[in-house]
Amino acid sequence: MNGPGLNPVPEHSSHTFSLRRSVFVASLASLLAGCAISEQPVIPSLPVDSAASYGGPQFVWYDLFTTDVEGASSFYRDLFGWEFESAPEYGNFSLARHNGIPVAGLVRIDEARAETVPPQWVPNLLVGNVDVVAEHFSRAGRVLKGPVDLPDRGRIAVVEDAEGAPLMLLQTTGGVPSNAEGTHGFFLWTELWSLDEAISLPFYSAAVGLESVDGPADLDPEYRILGTGDRRLAGLIKIPMDGVRPHWLSYIAVADPAEVARRAESLGGRVIIGPGDTSDRLAAVIADPVGGVFGVQQWPIADLEEAQP
């Protein structure tokens, strides 16, 4: 895949993701602690290719931590056509599907913690051995929860990297997760916003083997592509504004980011960075009505480039 979201957001954006370390700990841990992991909640399995073997790290799943699962479900249903299901055995977890295929999870955050636990999207990174990778995070970053086994899902750990960016590590059982990468309404790209690539690059290289790899010839020189060999797996940019903590920003593939941004506003969302604020007009950053921030990316890129004057 030629990575989308290849241009950093403009420095004039006034938005800040003021996410404190304590917030990360509380919200991410809620998937394990809030779902009463000791009682073995039923978390729906991911679609997997049972014949495939692990071929290296990749982002395979995304969870939204939110105080209003019903409101968030309504927003994403109307924006992307996602369908949602929940059940008592899921605990605090709800499953989002698109065209019948699992696409994301929603994790309820207790309303009493709303002041300290803001909504946020967190990606899941597939790894070959959660325990080994978590051990690296424990030395140079932080392990918040786990590793722990989830029935039908695999082994999981909630971690922070050396700069405090949270993510979830996942070692699946029964095969390698399959996805509809590049299909509208599914997640397409994940981007690390870092304070210092001199810290983040060697950290992820040592932890999971992600290196800076070659990108397109016209790639912004300040934008890094992370991958393994010739596989482009994620982006890396230096945080372009004050007041922003390191974090992973995830993009969803769409046909027209400008139209999606307009529709998001009509549904009560907020456009943080519009397509007109980016150098190529191919992406936007949006907050849902509850505050969860995500990106949308035109895909395939050629379709929109051909339509531009």
Protein backbone atom coordinates (compact mmCIF):
# COMPACT_ATOMS: atom_id res chain seq x y z
CA MET A 1 0.00 0.00 0.00
CA ASN A 2 1.19 3.46 -0.81
CA GLY A 3 0.48 5.23 2.43
CA PRO A 4 -2.22 7.89 2.60
CA GLY A 5 -2.15 10.85 4.92
CA LEU A 6 1.34 11.66 3.72
CA ASN A 7 1.28 15.38 4.42
CA PRO A 8 1.57 16.84 7.92
CA VAL A 9 -1.31 18.95 9.15
CA PRO A 10 -0.73 22.72 8.89
CA GLU A 11 1.00 24.46 11.75
CA HIS A 12 -1.68 27.15 11.91
CA SER A 13 -4.26 24.70 13.27
CA SER A 14 -5.49 25.88 16.66
CA HIS A 15 -6.59 22.43 17.82
CA THR A 16 -4.74 20.67 20.62
CA PHE A 17 -5.09 17.11 21.82
CA SER A 18 -4.41 17.86 25.50
CA LEU A 19 -4.09 14.26 26.55
CA ARG A 20 -2.36 13.79 29.90
CA ARG A 21 -0.55 10.60 30.89
CA SER A 22 -3.14 9.90 33.60
CA VAL A 23 -5.85 10.15 30.95
CA PHE A 24 -4.14 7.56 28.77
CA VAL A 25 -3.80 5.16 31.68
CA ALA A 26 -7.44 5.47 32.74
CA SER A 27 -9.04 5.28 29.31
CA LEU A 28 -6.94 2.49 27.82
CA ALA A 29 -7.08 0.39 30.95
CA SER A 30 -10.87 0.55 30.81
CA LEU A 31 -10.90 -2.00 27.99
CA LEU A 32 -9.32 -4.54 30.28
CA ALA A 33 -10.29 -3.39 33.75
CA GLY A 34 -13.65 -1.82 32.84
CA CYS A 35 -14.65 -4.91 30.93
CA ALA A 36 -13.94 -7.00 34.03
CA ILE A 37 -11.25 -9.06 32.39
CA SER A 38 -11.07 -11.30 35.45
CA GLU A 39 -14.61 -12.42 34.56
CA GLN A 40 -13.54 -13.24 30.98
CA PRO A 41 -15.91 -10.99 29.00
CA VAL A 42 -16.80 -12.06 25.50
CA ILE A 43 -15.04 -9.74 23.04
CA PRO A 44 -15.99 -10.54 19.43
CA SER A 45 -13.24 -12.18 17.40
CA LEU A 46 -11.53 -10.42 14.52
CA PRO A 47 -11.84 -11.65 10.94
CA VAL A 48 -8.67 -13.63 10.28
CA ASP A 49 -6.99 -15.45 7.44
CA SER A 50 -6.40 -18.80 9.10
CA ALA A 51 -3.95 -19.84 6.38
CA ALA A 52 -1.73 -16.78 6.78
CA SER A 53 1.29 -16.67 9.04
CA TYR A 54 2.65 -13.65 10.87
CA GLY A 55 4.71 -11.55 8.46
CA GLY A 56 5.65 -8.58 10.60
CA PRO A 57 3.97 -5.79 12.54
CA GLN A 58 0.90 -4.07 11.16
CA PHE A 59 -2.07 -2.08 12.44
CA VAL A 60 -5.10 -4.36 12.35
CA TRP A 61 -7.77 -2.95 14.68
CA TYR A 62 -9.00 0.33 16.20
CA ASP A 63 -10.88 1.06 19.41
CA LEU A 64 -12.76 4.23 20.37
CA PHE A 65 -12.91 5.03 24.08
CA THR A 66 -15.95 7.24 24.63
CA THR A 67 -18.35 8.42 27.34
CA ASP A 68 -21.33 8.11 24.96
CA VAL A 69 -21.38 4.86 23.03
CA GLU A 70 -24.93 5.48 21.79
CA GLY A 71 -24.15 9.00 20.56
CA ALA A 72 -20.89 7.93 18.95
CA SER A 73 -22.62 4.95 17.32
CA SER A 74 -25.25 7.24 15.81
CA PHE A 75 -22.58 9.60 14.45
CA TYR A 76 -20.44 6.92 12.81
CA ARG A 77 -23.52 5.09 11.53
CA ASP A 78 -24.72 8.19 9.71
CA LEU A 79 -21.23 9.23 8.58
CA PHE A 80 -19.81 5.93 7.32
CA GLY A 81 -22.76 3.55 7.31
CA TRP A 82 -21.33 1.43 10.13
CA GLU A 83 -23.61 -1.01 11.93
CA PHE A 84 -23.30 -1.61 15.68
CA GLU A 85 -23.98 -4.47 18.03
CA SER A 86 -23.69 -4.87 21.78
CA ALA A 87 -24.60 -7.59 24.24
CA PRO A 88 -24.50 -8.06 28.00
CA GLU A 89 -21.59 -10.46 27.66
CA TYR A 90 -19.57 -7.75 25.88
CA GLY A 91 -19.48 -5.64 29.05
CA ASN A 92 -18.31 -2.11 28.15
CA PHE A 93 -17.53 -3.13 24.56
CA SER A 94 -19.61 -2.57 21.40
CA LEU A 95 -18.70 -3.84 17.95
CA ALA A 96 -18.86 -1.75 14.77
CA ARG A 97 -19.27 -3.47 11.42
CA HIS A 98 -19.17 -2.12 7.89
CA ASN A 99 -20.92 -4.15 5.20
CA GLY A 100 -21.08 -6.93 7.77
CA ILE A 101 -17.31 -6.92 8.41
CA PRO A 102 -15.95 -5.94 11.86
CA VAL A 103 -14.22 -2.57 11.56
CA ALA A 104 -13.78 -1.13 15.07
CA GLY A 105 -14.64 -1.41 18.73
CA LEU A 106 -16.27 1.13 21.05
CA VAL A 107 -15.37 1.05 24.73
CA ARG A 108 -17.54 2.89 27.22
CA ILE A 109 -15.79 5.24 29.66
CA ASP A 110 -17.58 5.85 32.95
CA GLU A 111 -19.39 9.20 32.95
CA ALA A 112 -17.99 9.96 36.40
CA ARG A 113 -14.51 10.04 34.83
CA ALA A 114 -15.48 12.22 31.89
CA GLU A 115 -13.47 15.19 33.15
CA THR A 116 -10.24 13.20 33.16
CA VAL A 117 -10.84 10.59 30.46
CA PRO A 118 -11.51 12.26 27.09
CA PRO A 119 -12.72 10.19 24.14
CA GLN A 120 -9.97 8.95 21.85
CA TRP A 121 -9.22 6.41 19.12
CA VAL A 122 -6.42 3.93 19.88
CA PRO A 123 -4.92 1.55 17.28
CA ASN A 124 -4.01 -2.10 17.81
CA LEU A 125 -0.60 -3.17 16.54
CA LEU A 126 -0.24 -6.82 15.55
CA VAL A 127 3.00 -8.32 16.87
CA GLY A 128 4.51 -11.77 16.85
CA ASN A 129 5.00 -12.06 20.60
CA VAL A 130 3.14 -9.67 22.90
CA ASP A 131 5.18 -10.62 25.95
CA VAL A 132 8.52 -9.89 24.29
CA VAL A 133 7.35 -6.57 22.84
CA ALA A 134 5.67 -5.53 26.09
CA GLU A 135 8.93 -6.22 27.91
CA HIS A 136 10.65 -3.71 25.62
CA PHE A 137 7.92 -1.17 26.29
CA SER A 138 8.35 -1.72 30.03
CA ARG A 139 12.02 -0.74 29.78
CA ALA A 140 11.79 2.28 27.47
CA GLY A 141 8.10 3.17 27.73
CA ARG A 142 5.35 1.85 29.97
CA VAL A 143 3.04 -1.16 30.19
CA LEU A 144 -0.37 -0.05 31.47
CA LYS A 145 -2.20 -3.37 31.40
CA GLY A 146 -1.38 -6.96 30.56
CA PRO A 147 -0.26 -8.94 28.77
CA VAL A 148 -3.51 -10.86 29.16
CA ASP A 149 -5.45 -13.35 27.07
CA LEU A 150 -8.85 -12.47 25.60
CA PRO A 151 -10.93 -15.43 24.41
CA ASP A 152 -11.37 -15.51 20.62
CA ARG A 153 -9.18 -12.44 20.23
CA GLY A 154 -5.67 -13.31 21.35
CA ARG A 155 -3.12 -11.92 23.76
CA ILE A 156 -3.17 -8.19 24.36
CA ALA A 157 -1.28 -5.48 26.24
CA VAL A 158 -1.95 -1.78 26.69
CA VAL A 159 1.26 0.25 26.46
CA GLU A 160 2.80 3.67 26.02
CA ASP A 161 5.90 4.26 23.91
CA ALA A 162 8.99 6.21 24.96
CA GLU A 163 7.18 9.52 24.41
CA GLY A 164 3.90 8.50 26.02
CA ALA A 165 1.86 7.68 22.88
CA PRO A 166 -0.60 4.89 23.77
CA LEU A 167 -1.44 1.87 21.70
CA MET A 168 -2.51 -1.71 22.13
CA LEU A 169 -0.34 -4.69 21.26
CA LEU A 170 -2.16 -7.72 19.86
CA GLN A 171 -1.04 -11.27 19.21
CA THR A 172 -3.93 -13.06 17.56
CA THR A 173 -4.90 -16.69 17.69
CA GLY A 174 -6.04 -18.74 14.73
CA GLY A 175 -4.44 -16.69 11.96
CA VAL A 176 -3.59 -13.18 10.82
CA PRO A 177 -6.33 -10.52 10.88
CA SER A 178 -7.69 -9.72 7.45
CA ASN A 179 -9.07 -6.32 6.58
CA ALA A 180 -10.64 -4.34 3.77
CA GLU A 181 -7.72 -1.91 3.50
CA GLY A 182 -8.37 0.73 0.87
CA THR A 183 -12.14 0.20 0.93
CA HIS A 184 -14.27 3.21 1.81
CA GLY A 185 -15.44 3.16 5.40
CA PHE A 186 -12.50 1.08 6.66
CA PHE A 187 -9.32 2.21 8.36
CA LEU A 188 -6.52 2.89 5.93
CA TRP A 189 -3.49 4.48 7.60
CA THR A 190 -2.04 5.22 11.01
CA GLU A 191 0.25 8.11 11.79
CA LEU A 192 2.48 8.74 14.81
CA TRP A 193 2.66 12.35 16.01
CA SER A 194 6.01 12.56 17.75
CA LEU A 195 7.89 15.26 19.62
CA ASP A 196 11.28 13.89 18.57
CA GLU A 197 11.91 11.30 15.88
CA ALA A 198 15.36 10.74 17.40
CA ILE A 199 13.45 9.09 20.25
CA SER A 200 10.54 7.47 18.42
CA LEU A 201 12.45 5.98 15.47
CA PRO A 202 15.00 3.95 17.45
CA PHE A 203 12.30 2.97 19.95
CA TYR A 204 9.99 1.38 17.37
CA SER A 205 12.94 -0.11 15.51
CA ALA A 206 14.06 -1.93 18.63
CA ALA A 207 10.55 -2.79 19.86
CA VAL A 208 8.87 -4.12 16.72
CA GLY A 209 11.29 -3.68 13.81
CA LEU A 210 9.67 -0.60 12.27
CA GLU A 211 12.21 1.45 10.33
CA SER A 212 12.14 4.62 8.24
CA VAL A 213 11.56 3.39 4.67
CA ASP A 214 11.39 5.07 1.29
CA GLY A 215 8.19 6.89 0.35
CA PRO A 216 6.87 8.52 -2.84
CA ALA A 217 9.24 10.84 -4.67
CA ASP A 218 7.10 13.89 -3.88
CA LEU A 219 6.84 13.10 -0.17
CA ASP A 220 7.30 16.02 2.21
CA PRO A 221 10.90 15.70 3.46
CA GLU A 222 9.70 16.19 7.04
CA TYR A 223 7.33 13.23 6.81
CA ARG A 224 8.63 9.75 7.55
CA ILE A 225 7.22 6.43 6.40
CA LEU A 226 7.56 3.58 8.87
CA GLY A 227 7.71 0.04 7.63
CA THR A 228 9.67 -3.15 7.18
CA GLY A 229 11.56 -3.79 3.97
CA ASP A 230 9.32 -2.57 1.13
CA ARG A 231 6.15 -2.58 3.29
CA ARG A 232 4.82 0.89 4.16
CA LEU A 233 2.89 0.55 7.40
CA ALA A 234 2.54 3.95 9.10
CA GLY A 235 3.54 7.59 9.03
CA LEU A 236 5.61 9.69 11.41
CA ILE A 237 5.53 13.46 11.75
CA LYS A 238 6.89 15.90 14.27
CA ILE A 239 3.98 17.41 16.18
CA PRO A 240 3.31 20.68 14.34
CA MET A 241 1.76 22.74 17.13
CA ASP A 242 2.15 23.42 20.83
CA GLY A 243 0.12 21.66 23.50
CA VAL A 244 -0.12 18.29 21.76
CA ARG A 245 1.06 15.07 23.37
CA PRO A 246 2.48 12.25 21.22
CA HIS A 247 -0.27 9.96 19.91
CA TRP A 248 -1.30 7.79 16.97
CA LEU A 249 -3.82 9.34 14.56
CA SER A 250 -5.83 6.88 12.46
CA TYR A 251 -7.34 7.56 9.02
CA ILE A 252 -10.46 6.11 7.40
CA ALA A 253 -10.69 5.75 3.61
CA VAL A 254 -13.36 7.90 1.93
CA ALA A 255 -14.27 8.96 -1.59
CA ASP A 256 -14.35 12.70 -0.87
CA PRO A 257 -12.92 14.12 2.39
CA ALA A 258 -14.52 17.53 1.84
CA GLU A 259 -17.99 15.99 1.56
CA VAL A 260 -17.37 13.80 4.62
CA ALA A 261 -16.17 16.84 6.60
CA ARG A 262 -19.32 18.76 5.70
CA ARG A 263 -21.53 15.83 6.66
CA ALA A 264 -19.63 15.37 9.95
CA GLU A 265 -20.39 18.97 10.90
CA SER A 266 -24.07 18.50 10.09
CA LEU A 267 -24.07 15.49 12.43
CA GLY A 268 -22.62 17.46 15.31
CA GLY A 269 -18.93 16.77 14.72
CA ARG A 270 -16.18 19.33 14.38
CA VAL A 271 -13.70 19.71 11.54
CA ILE A 272 -10.30 20.24 13.11
CA ILE A 273 -8.34 20.37 9.86
CA GLY A 274 -10.26 20.65 6.61
CA PRO A 275 -9.05 19.45 3.22
CA GLY A 276 -8.43 23.07 2.26
CA ASP A 277 -5.92 23.36 5.11
CA THR A 278 -3.69 20.59 3.74
CA SER A 279 -1.23 20.89 0.89
CA ASP A 280 -2.98 18.33 -1.31
CA ARG A 281 -6.64 18.61 -0.21
CA LEU A 282 -6.77 14.84 0.19
CA ALA A 283 -7.36 14.51 3.93
CA ALA A 284 -9.14 16.00 6.93
CA VAL A 285 -9.05 15.60 10.69
CA ILE A 286 -12.42 15.45 12.45
CA ALA A 287 -13.67 15.21 16.02
CA ASP A 288 -16.89 13.31 16.63
CA PRO A 289 -19.58 14.97 18.81
CA VAL A 290 -18.13 13.33 21.92
CA GLY A 291 -14.56 14.37 21.08
CA GLY A 292 -12.93 11.31 19.50
CA VAL A 293 -10.48 12.51 16.84
CA PHE A 294 -9.81 10.64 13.58
CA GLY A 295 -8.64 11.36 10.06
CA VAL A 296 -10.30 10.75 6.71
CA GLN A 297 -8.27 10.21 3.57
CA GLN A 298 -9.23 10.28 -0.10
CA TRP A 299 -8.60 6.84 -1.55
CA PRO A 300 -7.54 6.02 -4.12
CA ILE A 301 -5.66 9.27 -4.39
CA ALA A 302 -5.58 9.34 -8.19
CA ASP A 303 -9.35 9.77 -8.41
CA LEU A 304 -9.31 13.14 -6.69
CA GLU A 305 -6.05 14.30 -8.27
CA GLU A 306 -7.60 13.83 -11.72
CA ALA A 307 -10.61 15.93 -10.67
CA GLN A 308 -8.56 18.84 -9.31
CA PRO A 309 -8.00 21.85 -11.59
